[in-house]
Amino acid sequence: MKNRLKVARAEHNLSQAELAERIGVSRQTINSIETGRYVPSTVLALKLAAVFTQSVEALFSLEDVD
């Protein structure tokens, strides 16, 4: 799964720690999502989308599947 979380965070001038605090997870969780090591739950994806006032689809997308 691809994500544009790092870009959205930069656009909103938020650190990983600040974003993590807003949604109630650890900074390491944010880092793992940004680097693609962790796929967030639906609830977590919705919380992230709410912080950035974007749809989940604007933040996350499936990688091309052939």
N, C-alpha and C. Protein backbone atom coordinates (compact mmCIF):
# COMPACT_ATOMS: atom_id res chain seq x y z
N MET A 1 0.84 -1.18 0.00
CA MET A 1 0.00 0.00 0.00
C MET A 1 0.89 1.24 0.00
N LYS A 2 0.55 2.16 -0.87
CA LYS A 2 1.27 3.44 -0.92
C LYS A 2 0.55 4.44 -0.02
N ASN A 3 1.31 5.42 0.47
CA ASN A 3 0.67 6.48 1.22
C ASN A 3 1.41 7.79 0.99
N ARG A 4 0.70 8.87 1.22
CA ARG A 4 1.30 10.20 1.10
C ARG A 4 1.24 10.92 2.44
N LEU A 5 1.39 10.14 3.49
CA LEU A 5 1.32 10.67 4.85
C LEU A 5 2.43 11.67 5.13
N LYS A 6 3.64 11.36 4.71
CA LYS A 6 4.77 12.27 4.95
C LYS A 6 4.54 13.61 4.26
N VAL A 7 4.01 13.56 3.05
CA VAL A 7 3.73 14.79 2.29
C VAL A 7 2.64 15.60 2.99
N ALA A 8 1.58 14.93 3.41
CA ALA A 8 0.48 15.62 4.10
C ALA A 8 0.98 16.23 5.41
N ARG A 9 1.83 15.50 6.10
CA ARG A 9 2.39 16.02 7.35
C ARG A 9 3.20 17.27 7.10
N ALA A 10 4.01 17.26 6.05
CA ALA A 10 4.83 18.42 5.70
C ALA A 10 3.94 19.61 5.30
N GLU A 11 2.89 19.34 4.56
CA GLU A 11 1.96 20.40 4.16
C GLU A 11 1.30 21.07 5.36
N HIS A 12 1.11 20.31 6.43
CA HIS A 12 0.48 20.84 7.64
C HIS A 12 1.50 21.18 8.73
N ASN A 13 2.77 21.10 8.36
CA ASN A 13 3.85 21.47 9.28
C ASN A 13 3.76 20.74 10.62
N LEU A 14 3.55 19.42 10.53
CA LEU A 14 3.46 18.58 11.73
C LEU A 14 4.63 17.62 11.79
N SER A 15 5.17 17.43 12.98
CA SER A 15 6.19 16.41 13.17
C SER A 15 5.50 15.06 13.35
N GLN A 16 6.27 13.99 13.26
CA GLN A 16 5.70 12.67 13.51
C GLN A 16 5.13 12.60 14.92
N ALA A 17 5.84 13.17 15.88
CA ALA A 17 5.40 13.14 17.28
C ALA A 17 4.10 13.91 17.47
N GLU A 18 3.97 15.07 16.82
CA GLU A 18 2.75 15.87 16.94
C GLU A 18 1.55 15.13 16.34
N LEU A 19 1.76 14.52 15.17
CA LEU A 19 0.69 13.77 14.54
C LEU A 19 0.31 12.57 15.40
N ALA A 20 1.30 11.87 15.91
CA ALA A 20 1.03 10.71 16.76
C ALA A 20 0.21 11.09 17.98
N GLU A 21 0.54 12.20 18.59
CA GLU A 21 -0.18 12.65 19.78
C GLU A 21 -1.64 12.98 19.44
N ARG A 22 -1.86 13.59 18.29
CA ARG A 22 -3.22 13.96 17.89
C ARG A 22 -4.13 12.75 17.72
N ILE A 23 -3.56 11.64 17.24
CA ILE A 23 -4.43 10.48 16.97
C ILE A 23 -4.25 9.34 17.98
N GLY A 24 -3.37 9.54 18.96
CA GLY A 24 -3.25 8.58 20.04
C GLY A 24 -2.43 7.34 19.75
N VAL A 25 -1.37 7.51 18.97
CA VAL A 25 -0.45 6.40 18.70
C VAL A 25 0.98 6.87 18.99
N SER A 26 1.93 5.97 18.85
CA SER A 26 3.33 6.34 19.08
C SER A 26 3.93 6.97 17.82
N ARG A 27 5.01 7.71 18.00
CA ARG A 27 5.73 8.27 16.86
C ARG A 27 6.24 7.16 15.96
N GLN A 28 6.63 6.04 16.57
CA GLN A 28 7.14 4.90 15.80
C GLN A 28 6.06 4.34 14.87
N THR A 29 4.81 4.39 15.31
CA THR A 29 3.72 3.93 14.45
C THR A 29 3.61 4.81 13.22
N ILE A 30 3.69 6.12 13.40
CA ILE A 30 3.64 7.04 12.26
C ILE A 30 4.81 6.76 11.31
N ASN A 31 5.98 6.59 11.88
CA ASN A 31 7.15 6.29 11.05
C ASN A 31 6.96 4.99 10.28
N SER A 32 6.44 3.97 10.92
CA SER A 32 6.23 2.68 10.26
C SER A 32 5.20 2.78 9.13
N ILE A 33 4.17 3.59 9.32
CA ILE A 33 3.18 3.78 8.26
C ILE A 33 3.83 4.51 7.09
N GLU A 34 4.57 5.58 7.39
CA GLU A 34 5.20 6.37 6.31
C GLU A 34 6.18 5.55 5.49
N THR A 35 6.88 4.64 6.13
CA THR A 35 7.89 3.84 5.41
C THR A 35 7.31 2.56 4.81
N GLY A 36 6.01 2.34 5.00
CA GLY A 36 5.37 1.18 4.39
C GLY A 36 5.56 -0.12 5.14
N ARG A 37 6.08 -0.06 6.35
CA ARG A 37 6.27 -1.29 7.14
C ARG A 37 5.00 -1.69 7.88
N TYR A 38 4.04 -0.78 7.98
CA TYR A 38 2.81 -1.04 8.72
C TYR A 38 1.63 -0.47 7.95
N VAL A 39 0.59 -1.29 7.79
CA VAL A 39 -0.64 -0.84 7.15
C VAL A 39 -1.63 -0.52 8.26
N PRO A 40 -2.11 0.72 8.32
CA PRO A 40 -2.99 1.10 9.42
C PRO A 40 -4.35 0.42 9.34
N SER A 41 -4.96 0.28 10.51
CA SER A 41 -6.34 -0.22 10.57
C SER A 41 -7.27 0.81 9.93
N THR A 42 -8.47 0.40 9.68
CA THR A 42 -9.47 1.32 9.13
C THR A 42 -9.69 2.51 10.05
N VAL A 43 -9.79 2.24 11.34
CA VAL A 43 -10.01 3.32 12.31
C VAL A 43 -8.84 4.30 12.30
N LEU A 44 -7.63 3.79 12.28
CA LEU A 44 -6.46 4.65 12.26
C LEU A 44 -6.38 5.45 10.96
N ALA A 45 -6.69 4.83 9.84
CA ALA A 45 -6.69 5.53 8.56
C ALA A 45 -7.73 6.66 8.56
N LEU A 46 -8.89 6.40 9.16
CA LEU A 46 -9.93 7.43 9.24
C LEU A 46 -9.50 8.58 10.14
N LYS A 47 -8.83 8.27 11.25
CA LYS A 47 -8.32 9.32 12.14
C LYS A 47 -7.29 10.19 11.42
N LEU A 48 -6.40 9.55 10.67
CA LEU A 48 -5.38 10.30 9.92
C LEU A 48 -6.05 11.19 8.88
N ALA A 49 -7.01 10.66 8.17
CA ALA A 49 -7.73 11.45 7.16
C ALA A 49 -8.42 12.65 7.79
N ALA A 50 -9.00 12.45 8.98
CA ALA A 50 -9.68 13.55 9.67
C ALA A 50 -8.72 14.65 10.05
N VAL A 51 -7.52 14.30 10.51
CA VAL A 51 -6.53 15.31 10.88
C VAL A 51 -6.21 16.20 9.69
N PHE A 52 -6.09 15.60 8.52
CA PHE A 52 -5.71 16.36 7.33
C PHE A 52 -6.91 16.82 6.50
N THR A 53 -8.11 16.58 7.00
CA THR A 53 -9.36 16.90 6.30
C THR A 53 -9.30 16.45 4.84
N GLN A 54 -8.89 15.21 4.68
CA GLN A 54 -8.83 14.57 3.36
C GLN A 54 -9.53 13.22 3.45
N SER A 55 -9.84 12.66 2.31
CA SER A 55 -10.41 11.32 2.31
C SER A 55 -9.30 10.31 2.55
N VAL A 56 -9.69 9.13 2.99
CA VAL A 56 -8.71 8.05 3.17
C VAL A 56 -8.02 7.77 1.84
N GLU A 57 -8.79 7.80 0.76
CA GLU A 57 -8.24 7.52 -0.57
C GLU A 57 -7.20 8.57 -1.00
N ALA A 58 -7.31 9.78 -0.47
CA ALA A 58 -6.32 10.81 -0.79
C ALA A 58 -4.99 10.54 -0.10
N LEU A 59 -5.03 9.84 1.03
CA LEU A 59 -3.80 9.53 1.77
C LEU A 59 -3.23 8.16 1.43
N PHE A 60 -4.09 7.20 1.14
CA PHE A 60 -3.65 5.81 0.92
C PHE A 60 -4.15 5.28 -0.40
N SER A 61 -3.33 4.49 -1.07
CA SER A 61 -3.76 3.84 -2.30
C SER A 61 -3.08 2.49 -2.43
N LEU A 62 -3.73 1.59 -3.13
CA LEU A 62 -3.15 0.28 -3.38
C LEU A 62 -2.05 0.43 -4.43
N GLU A 63 -1.02 -0.37 -4.28
CA GLU A 63 0.02 -0.38 -5.31
C GLU A 63 -0.57 -1.07 -6.54
N ASP A 64 -0.03 -0.75 -7.69
CA ASP A 64 -0.54 -1.35 -8.94
C ASP A 64 -0.48 -2.86 -8.85
N VAL A 65 -1.61 -3.49 -9.18
CA VAL A 65 -1.70 -4.94 -9.15
C VAL A 65 -1.95 -5.41 -10.58
N ASP A 66 -1.10 -6.29 -11.04
CA ASP A 66 -1.26 -6.81 -12.41
C ASP A 66 -1.97 -8.12 -12.42
